[in-house]
Amino acid sequence: MTAKEFMAGLQLFEGLSPRDLDSLASLASEVRFDKGRSIFLEGGEAKGFYIAKTGLVKIFKLAPDGREQIIHIYGPGEPFAEVPVFEGGAYPANAVAIEESVLLFFPREAIRRLLTREPSLALAWLAVLARKLRRFTIQVENLTLKESPQRLAAYLLDLADRNDGSDSPEGASVVELDMTKGHLAALLGTAQETLSRILKKMTEAGHITVKGRRIQLLDRPALEALAAGDERL
């Protein structure tokens, strides 16, 4: 699949004219990263941004004691590192491929020149950045104001909404975790053992069922109440 064909199927580029899509795709180069390979380091010059084509990429920061805090995990179709490209300066965090990944790379200066010439494309990117800011705001709220069960319930509901979770024969939404449980625990700011206990409690309460990475949301209203803090496990 060419860069243009891949980009044409993304919600990110809905509404772009064929001409705008051609212009944007012409700037993309495909790069491959093995599992565990660094994509960029915190403080490095922001030379461009990426869109994941296949695989998974984690964005994280390291504490002085070496503890890792995952900020986000991006999968196919999701852009990352665009903010420092538009703002200028350095990457504010680290990026590593957590699976063998194929990425589209867009060089900073070429993108900035294109956006200057194409206002419709610039407006589309403003919408992308606004959605990302909203998601980060929710994530910060979850990490600072909510307990672990609330954060997990909010994450599952968001995942179902983002991926249009398919329905099981029983009519319940089904989602597929887009990362390992270890990475999910780090993203939610908790320990993997704690995450496992919460999943077990949610299962015992009849809110969900779990089979590997596949989670069935049996009682969405209960999960919504849990995420809002109106109920506890």
C-alpha atoms as a PDB file:
ATOM      1  CA  MET A   1       0.000   0.000   0.000  1.00  0.00           C
ATOM      2  CA  THR A   2       1.405   3.388  -0.973  1.00  0.00           C
ATOM      3  CA  ALA A   3       1.608   6.288   1.481  1.00  0.00           C
ATOM      4  CA  LYS A   4      -1.229   8.051  -0.349  1.00  0.00           C
ATOM      5  CA  GLU A   5      -3.481   4.969  -0.280  1.00  0.00           C
ATOM      6  CA  PHE A   6      -2.836   4.488   3.434  1.00  0.00           C
ATOM      7  CA  MET A   7      -3.404   8.154   4.263  1.00  0.00           C
ATOM      8  CA  ALA A   8      -6.608   8.310   2.199  1.00  0.00           C
ATOM      9  CA  GLY A   9      -8.200   5.764   4.542  1.00  0.00           C
ATOM     10  CA  LEU A  10      -7.458   7.709   7.730  1.00  0.00           C
ATOM     11  CA  GLN A  11      -9.997   9.842   9.558  1.00  0.00           C
ATOM     12  CA  LEU A  12      -7.124  12.261  10.080  1.00  0.00           C
ATOM     13  CA  PHE A  13      -7.217  13.268   6.419  1.00  0.00           C
ATOM     14  CA  GLU A  14     -10.961  13.185   5.788  1.00  0.00           C
ATOM     15  CA  GLY A  15     -12.086  16.161   3.740  1.00  0.00           C
ATOM     16  CA  LEU A  16      -8.715  16.808   2.109  1.00  0.00           C
ATOM     17  CA  SER A  17      -8.817  17.332  -1.622  1.00  0.00           C
ATOM     18  CA  PRO A  18      -6.936  14.830  -3.812  1.00  0.00           C
ATOM     19  CA  ARG A  19      -4.474  17.609  -4.551  1.00  0.00           C
ATOM     20  CA  ASP A  20      -3.794  18.252  -0.842  1.00  0.00           C
ATOM     21  CA  LEU A  21      -3.440  14.535  -0.185  1.00  0.00           C
ATOM     22  CA  ASP A  22      -0.996  14.208  -3.076  1.00  0.00           C
ATOM     23  CA  SER A  23       1.058  17.113  -1.737  1.00  0.00           C
ATOM     24  CA  LEU A  24       1.196  15.633   1.760  1.00  0.00           C
ATOM     25  CA  ALA A  25       1.932  12.072   0.621  1.00  0.00           C
ATOM     26  CA  SER A  26       4.785  13.295  -1.562  1.00  0.00           C
ATOM     27  CA  LEU A  27       6.645  14.396   1.583  1.00  0.00           C
ATOM     28  CA  ALA A  28       6.358  11.062   3.394  1.00  0.00           C
ATOM     29  CA  SER A  29       9.126   8.509   3.628  1.00  0.00           C
ATOM     30  CA  GLU A  30       8.583   5.007   5.035  1.00  0.00           C
ATOM     31  CA  VAL A  31      10.862   3.946   7.887  1.00  0.00           C
ATOM     32  CA  ARG A  32      11.014   0.621   9.726  1.00  0.00           C
ATOM     33  CA  PHE A  33      11.909   0.060  13.368  1.00  0.00           C
ATOM     34  CA  ASP A  34      12.573  -3.280  15.027  1.00  0.00           C
ATOM     35  CA  LYS A  35      10.977  -4.016  18.394  1.00  0.00           C
ATOM     36  CA  GLY A  36      12.818  -2.123  21.117  1.00  0.00           C
ATOM     37  CA  ARG A  37      14.525   0.334  18.759  1.00  0.00           C
ATOM     38  CA  SER A  38      14.557   4.016  19.722  1.00  0.00           C
ATOM     39  CA  ILE A  39      12.794   6.399  17.331  1.00  0.00           C
ATOM     40  CA  PHE A  40      13.843   9.614  19.049  1.00  0.00           C
ATOM     41  CA  LEU A  41      15.122  10.744  22.433  1.00  0.00           C
ATOM     42  CA  GLU A  42      13.898  13.448  24.765  1.00  0.00           C
ATOM     43  CA  GLY A  43      15.827  16.641  24.031  1.00  0.00           C
ATOM     44  CA  GLY A  44      16.718  15.613  20.484  1.00  0.00           C
ATOM     45  CA  GLU A  45      16.067  18.042  17.653  1.00  0.00           C
ATOM     46  CA  ALA A  46      12.498  17.723  16.349  1.00  0.00           C
ATOM     47  CA  LYS A  47      13.302  16.981  12.706  1.00  0.00           C
ATOM     48  CA  GLY A  48       9.828  15.771  11.789  1.00  0.00           C
ATOM     49  CA  PHE A  49       6.734  13.901  12.890  1.00  0.00           C
ATOM     50  CA  TYR A  50       5.439  10.382  12.295  1.00  0.00           C
ATOM     51  CA  ILE A  51       2.285   8.445  11.546  1.00  0.00           C
ATOM     52  CA  ALA A  52       2.224   4.781  12.551  1.00  0.00           C
ATOM     53  CA  LYS A  53       1.433   2.527   9.607  1.00  0.00           C
ATOM     54  CA  THR A  54       1.878  -0.788  11.428  1.00  0.00           C
ATOM     55  CA  GLY A  55       3.049  -1.760  14.905  1.00  0.00           C
ATOM     56  CA  LEU A  56       2.982   0.156  18.204  1.00  0.00           C
ATOM     57  CA  VAL A  57       5.076   3.024  19.549  1.00  0.00           C
ATOM     58  CA  LYS A  58       5.298   4.146  23.166  1.00  0.00           C
ATOM     59  CA  ILE A  59       6.011   7.735  24.170  1.00  0.00           C
ATOM     60  CA  PHE A  60       7.515   7.973  27.644  1.00  0.00           C
ATOM     61  CA  LYS A  61       9.604   9.991  30.061  1.00  0.00           C
ATOM     62  CA  LEU A  62      12.205   8.753  32.526  1.00  0.00           C
ATOM     63  CA  ALA A  63      12.354   9.894  36.147  1.00  0.00           C
ATOM     64  CA  PRO A  64      15.774  10.575  37.739  1.00  0.00           C
ATOM     65  CA  ASP A  65      15.518   7.179  39.477  1.00  0.00           C
ATOM     66  CA  GLY A  66      15.055   5.451  36.109  1.00  0.00           C
ATOM     67  CA  ARG A  67      11.330   4.865  36.551  1.00  0.00           C
ATOM     68  CA  GLU A  68       9.455   4.982  33.256  1.00  0.00           C
ATOM     69  CA  GLN A  69       6.150   6.803  32.837  1.00  0.00           C
ATOM     70  CA  ILE A  70       4.340   6.026  29.620  1.00  0.00           C
ATOM     71  CA  ILE A  71       2.557   9.075  28.268  1.00  0.00           C
ATOM     72  CA  HIS A  72       0.850   7.429  25.330  1.00  0.00           C
ATOM     73  CA  ILE A  73       0.962   4.429  23.025  1.00  0.00           C
ATOM     74  CA  TYR A  74       0.250   4.993  19.342  1.00  0.00           C
ATOM     75  CA  GLY A  75      -0.914   2.425  16.826  1.00  0.00           C
ATOM     76  CA  PRO A  76      -1.745   2.336  13.105  1.00  0.00           C
ATOM     77  CA  GLY A  77      -3.151   5.581  11.742  1.00  0.00           C
ATOM     78  CA  GLU A  78      -2.128   7.735  14.687  1.00  0.00           C
ATOM     79  CA  PRO A  79       0.263  10.699  14.326  1.00  0.00           C
ATOM     80  CA  PHE A  80       2.823  11.599  16.972  1.00  0.00           C
ATOM     81  CA  ALA A  81       5.545  14.193  17.578  1.00  0.00           C
ATOM     82  CA  GLU A  82       3.743  16.822  15.499  1.00  0.00           C
ATOM     83  CA  VAL A  83       3.545  19.399  18.311  1.00  0.00           C
ATOM     84  CA  PRO A  84       7.318  19.997  18.647  1.00  0.00           C
ATOM     85  CA  VAL A  85       7.559  20.079  14.856  1.00  0.00           C
ATOM     86  CA  PHE A  86       5.114  22.977  14.644  1.00  0.00           C
ATOM     87  CA  GLU A  87       6.345  24.634  17.827  1.00  0.00           C
ATOM     88  CA  GLY A  88      10.041  24.212  17.062  1.00  0.00           C
ATOM     89  CA  GLY A  89      12.758  22.984  19.372  1.00  0.00           C
ATOM     90  CA  ALA A  90      13.271  19.511  20.797  1.00  0.00           C
ATOM     91  CA  TYR A  91      11.238  16.368  21.343  1.00  0.00           C
ATOM     92  CA  PRO A  92       9.772  16.557  24.880  1.00  0.00           C
ATOM     93  CA  ALA A  93       9.824  12.780  25.486  1.00  0.00           C
ATOM     94  CA  ASN A  94      11.272   9.488  24.241  1.00  0.00           C
ATOM     95  CA  ALA A  95       9.768   7.214  21.590  1.00  0.00           C
ATOM     96  CA  VAL A  96      10.460   3.476  21.204  1.00  0.00           C
ATOM     97  CA  ALA A  97       8.884   0.819  18.991  1.00  0.00           C
ATOM     98  CA  ILE A  98       7.304  -1.803  21.239  1.00  0.00           C
ATOM     99  CA  GLU A  99       6.526  -3.976  18.214  1.00  0.00           C
ATOM    100  CA  GLU A 100       8.175  -4.182  14.816  1.00  0.00           C
ATOM    101  CA  SER A 101       6.754  -1.005  13.286  1.00  0.00           C
ATOM    102  CA  VAL A 102       6.494   0.755   9.953  1.00  0.00           C
ATOM    103  CA  LEU A 103       6.128   4.534  10.207  1.00  0.00           C
ATOM    104  CA  LEU A 104       5.607   7.375   7.779  1.00  0.00           C
ATOM    105  CA  PHE A 105       8.054  10.213   8.456  1.00  0.00           C
ATOM    106  CA  PHE A 106       7.288  13.811   7.472  1.00  0.00           C
ATOM    107  CA  PRO A 107      10.228  16.265   7.583  1.00  0.00           C
ATOM    108  CA  ARG A 108       9.622  19.410   9.596  1.00  0.00           C
ATOM    109  CA  GLU A 109      10.603  22.172   7.193  1.00  0.00           C
ATOM    110  CA  ALA A 110       8.813  20.638   4.200  1.00  0.00           C
ATOM    111  CA  ILE A 111       5.609  20.250   6.224  1.00  0.00           C
ATOM    112  CA  ARG A 112       5.782  23.840   7.493  1.00  0.00           C
ATOM    113  CA  ARG A 113       6.187  25.152   3.931  1.00  0.00           C
ATOM    114  CA  LEU A 114       3.261  23.034   2.732  1.00  0.00           C
ATOM    115  CA  LEU A 115       0.947  24.228   5.510  1.00  0.00           C
ATOM    116  CA  THR A 116       1.845  27.821   4.717  1.00  0.00           C
ATOM    117  CA  ARG A 117       0.730  27.271   1.108  1.00  0.00           C
ATOM    118  CA  GLU A 118      -2.359  25.161   1.882  1.00  0.00           C
ATOM    119  CA  PRO A 119      -4.738  26.741   4.463  1.00  0.00           C
ATOM    120  CA  SER A 120      -7.221  23.850   4.246  1.00  0.00           C
ATOM    121  CA  LEU A 121      -4.511  21.437   5.321  1.00  0.00           C
ATOM    122  CA  ALA A 122      -3.462  23.730   8.162  1.00  0.00           C
ATOM    123  CA  LEU A 123      -7.061  23.836   9.435  1.00  0.00           C
ATOM    124  CA  ALA A 124      -7.247  20.042   9.330  1.00  0.00           C
ATOM    125  CA  TRP A 125      -4.129  19.822  11.499  1.00  0.00           C
ATOM    126  CA  LEU A 126      -5.596  22.314  13.971  1.00  0.00           C
ATOM    127  CA  ALA A 127      -8.525  19.930  14.428  1.00  0.00           C
ATOM    128  CA  VAL A 128      -6.130  17.010  14.950  1.00  0.00           C
ATOM    129  CA  LEU A 129      -4.161  18.900  17.599  1.00  0.00           C
ATOM    130  CA  ALA A 130      -7.368  20.006  19.339  1.00  0.00           C
ATOM    131  CA  ARG A 131      -8.553  16.383  19.622  1.00  0.00           C
ATOM    132  CA  LYS A 132      -5.175  15.326  20.951  1.00  0.00           C
ATOM    133  CA  LEU A 133      -5.181  18.125  23.527  1.00  0.00           C
ATOM    134  CA  ARG A 134      -8.616  17.010  24.714  1.00  0.00           C
ATOM    135  CA  ARG A 135      -7.392  13.423  25.150  1.00  0.00           C
ATOM    136  CA  PHE A 136      -4.282  14.546  27.052  1.00  0.00           C
ATOM    137  CA  THR A 137      -6.405  16.735  29.313  1.00  0.00           C
ATOM    138  CA  ILE A 138      -8.556  13.724  30.167  1.00  0.00           C
ATOM    139  CA  GLN A 139      -5.451  11.607  30.750  1.00  0.00           C
ATOM    140  CA  VAL A 140      -3.940  14.157  33.137  1.00  0.00           C
ATOM    141  CA  GLU A 141      -7.234  14.356  35.014  1.00  0.00           C
ATOM    142  CA  ASN A 142      -7.389  10.570  35.270  1.00  0.00           C
ATOM    143  CA  LEU A 143      -3.816  10.253  36.547  1.00  0.00           C
ATOM    144  CA  THR A 144      -4.055  13.040  39.108  1.00  0.00           C
ATOM    145  CA  LEU A 145      -7.635  12.938  40.360  1.00  0.00           C
ATOM    146  CA  LYS A 146      -8.872   9.384  39.949  1.00  0.00           C
ATOM    147  CA  GLU A 147      -8.079   6.067  41.589  1.00  0.00           C
ATOM    148  CA  SER A 148      -6.862   3.086  39.577  1.00  0.00           C
ATOM    149  CA  PRO A 149     -10.315   1.427  39.060  1.00  0.00           C
ATOM    150  CA  GLN A 150     -11.709   4.731  37.785  1.00  0.00           C
ATOM    151  CA  ARG A 151      -8.786   5.168  35.403  1.00  0.00           C
ATOM    152  CA  LEU A 152      -9.175   1.646  34.013  1.00  0.00           C
ATOM    153  CA  ALA A 153     -12.940   2.028  33.539  1.00  0.00           C
ATOM    154  CA  ALA A 154     -12.403   5.350  31.747  1.00  0.00           C
ATOM    155  CA  TYR A 155      -9.737   3.782  29.524  1.00  0.00           C
ATOM    156  CA  LEU A 156     -11.972   0.846  28.525  1.00  0.00           C
ATOM    157  CA  LEU A 157     -14.857   3.178  27.689  1.00  0.00           C
ATOM    158  CA  ASP A 158     -12.580   5.451  25.661  1.00  0.00           C
ATOM    159  CA  LEU A 159     -11.133   2.455  23.803  1.00  0.00           C
ATOM    160  CA  ALA A 160     -14.640   1.253  22.946  1.00  0.00           C
ATOM    161  CA  ASP A 161     -15.605   4.701  21.675  1.00  0.00           C
ATOM    162  CA  ARG A 162     -12.394   5.191  19.654  1.00  0.00           C
ATOM    163  CA  ASN A 163     -12.489   1.765  18.025  1.00  0.00           C
ATOM    164  CA  ASP A 164     -16.266   1.443  17.719  1.00  0.00           C
ATOM    165  CA  GLY A 165     -16.014  -1.754  19.753  1.00  0.00           C
ATOM    166  CA  SER A 166     -17.785  -4.582  17.987  1.00  0.00           C
ATOM    167  CA  ASP A 167     -20.757  -6.298  19.542  1.00  0.00           C
ATOM    168  CA  SER A 168     -20.740  -9.851  20.811  1.00  0.00           C
ATOM    169  CA  PRO A 169     -23.663 -12.211  20.128  1.00  0.00           C
ATOM    170  CA  GLU A 170     -24.993 -11.201  23.547  1.00  0.00           C
ATOM    171  CA  GLY A 171     -25.054  -7.530  22.504  1.00  0.00           C
ATOM    172  CA  ALA A 172     -22.184  -6.342  24.718  1.00  0.00           C
ATOM    173  CA  SER A 173     -19.350  -4.210  23.379  1.00  0.00           C
ATOM    174  CA  VAL A 174     -16.070  -6.037  22.827  1.00  0.00           C
ATOM    175  CA  VAL A 175     -12.700  -4.288  22.747  1.00  0.00           C
ATOM    176  CA  GLU A 176      -9.209  -5.539  22.038  1.00  0.00           C
ATOM    177  CA  LEU A 177      -6.477  -4.071  24.237  1.00  0.00           C
ATOM    178  CA  ASP A 178      -4.059  -2.251  21.951  1.00  0.00           C
ATOM    179  CA  MET A 179      -1.073  -2.972  24.210  1.00  0.00           C
ATOM    180  CA  THR A 180       0.171  -5.530  26.715  1.00  0.00           C
ATOM    181  CA  LYS A 181      -1.213  -5.418  30.230  1.00  0.00           C
ATOM    182  CA  GLY A 182       2.214  -4.367  31.453  1.00  0.00           C
ATOM    183  CA  HIS A 183       2.209  -1.356  29.165  1.00  0.00           C
ATOM    184  CA  LEU A 184      -1.401  -0.585  30.092  1.00  0.00           C
ATOM    185  CA  ALA A 185      -0.518  -0.604  33.794  1.00  0.00           C
ATOM    186  CA  ALA A 186       2.338   1.837  33.136  1.00  0.00           C
ATOM    187  CA  LEU A 187       0.050   4.070  31.075  1.00  0.00           C
ATOM    188  CA  LEU A 188      -2.504   4.143  33.891  1.00  0.00           C
ATOM    189  CA  GLY A 189       0.168   4.853  36.493  1.00  0.00           C
ATOM    190  CA  THR A 190      -0.252   1.645  38.464  1.00  0.00           C
ATOM    191  CA  ALA A 191       1.453  -1.732  38.957  1.00  0.00           C
ATOM    192  CA  GLN A 192       0.649  -4.721  36.750  1.00  0.00           C
ATOM    193  CA  GLU A 193      -0.387  -6.729  39.807  1.00  0.00           C
ATOM    194  CA  THR A 194      -2.827  -3.968  40.786  1.00  0.00           C
ATOM    195  CA  LEU A 195      -4.252  -3.911  37.262  1.00  0.00           C
ATOM    196  CA  SER A 196      -4.805  -7.678  37.372  1.00  0.00           C
ATOM    197  CA  ARG A 197      -6.647  -7.375  40.692  1.00  0.00           C
ATOM    198  CA  ILE A 198      -8.888  -4.625  39.323  1.00  0.00           C
ATOM    199  CA  LEU A 199      -9.728  -6.641  36.218  1.00  0.00           C
ATOM    200  CA  LYS A 200     -10.612  -9.594  38.468  1.00  0.00           C
ATOM    201  CA  LYS A 201     -12.861  -7.422  40.634  1.00  0.00           C
ATOM    202  CA  MET A 202     -14.583  -5.960  37.573  1.00  0.00           C
ATOM    203  CA  THR A 203     -15.173  -9.496  36.317  1.00  0.00           C
ATOM    204  CA  GLU A 204     -16.563 -10.650  39.668  1.00  0.00           C
ATOM    205  CA  ALA A 205     -18.865  -7.608  39.730  1.00  0.00           C
ATOM    206  CA  GLY A 206     -20.261  -8.555  36.318  1.00  0.00           C
ATOM    207  CA  HIS A 207     -18.958  -5.440  34.579  1.00  0.00           C
ATOM    208  CA  ILE A 208     -16.658  -7.250  32.117  1.00  0.00           C
ATOM    209  CA  THR A 209     -15.267 -10.562  30.984  1.00  0.00           C
ATOM    210  CA  VAL A 210     -11.608 -10.977  30.038  1.00  0.00           C
ATOM    211  CA  LYS A 211      -9.973 -13.407  27.604  1.00  0.00           C
ATOM    212  CA  GLY A 212      -6.379 -12.387  27.011  1.00  0.00           C
ATOM    213  CA  ARG A 213      -6.445  -8.935  25.426  1.00  0.00           C
ATOM    214  CA  ARG A 214     -10.113  -9.289  24.492  1.00  0.00           C
ATOM    215  CA  ILE A 215     -12.481  -7.613  26.965  1.00  0.00           C
ATOM    216  CA  GLN A 216     -16.259  -7.724  26.802  1.00  0.00           C
ATOM    217  CA  LEU A 217     -18.028  -4.729  28.366  1.00  0.00           C
ATOM    218  CA  LEU A 218     -21.093  -6.344  29.913  1.00  0.00           C
ATOM    219  CA  ASP A 219     -22.413  -3.387  31.900  1.00  0.00           C
ATOM    220  CA  ARG A 220     -21.503  -0.052  30.332  1.00  0.00           C
ATOM    221  CA  PRO A 221     -23.640   2.051  32.750  1.00  0.00           C
ATOM    222  CA  ALA A 222     -21.802   0.478  35.698  1.00  0.00           C
ATOM    223  CA  LEU A 223     -18.433   1.228  34.064  1.00  0.00           C
ATOM    224  CA  GLU A 224     -19.523   4.816  33.407  1.00  0.00           C
ATOM    225  CA  ALA A 225     -20.526   5.206  37.058  1.00  0.00           C
ATOM    226  CA  LEU A 226     -17.207   3.713  38.141  1.00  0.00           C
ATOM    227  CA  ALA A 227     -15.246   6.025  35.829  1.00  0.00           C
ATOM    228  CA  ALA A 228     -17.130   9.045  37.177  1.00  0.00           C
ATOM    229  CA  GLY A 229     -16.469   8.033  40.773  1.00  0.00           C
ATOM    230  CA  ASP A 230     -20.153   7.509  41.513  1.00  0.00           C
ATOM    231  CA  GLU A 231     -19.549   3.826  42.331  1.00  0.00           C
ATOM    232  CA  ARG A 232     -16.655   1.812  43.737  1.00  0.00           C
ATOM    233  CA  LEU A 233     -15.561  -1.758  43.262  1.00  0.00           C
END
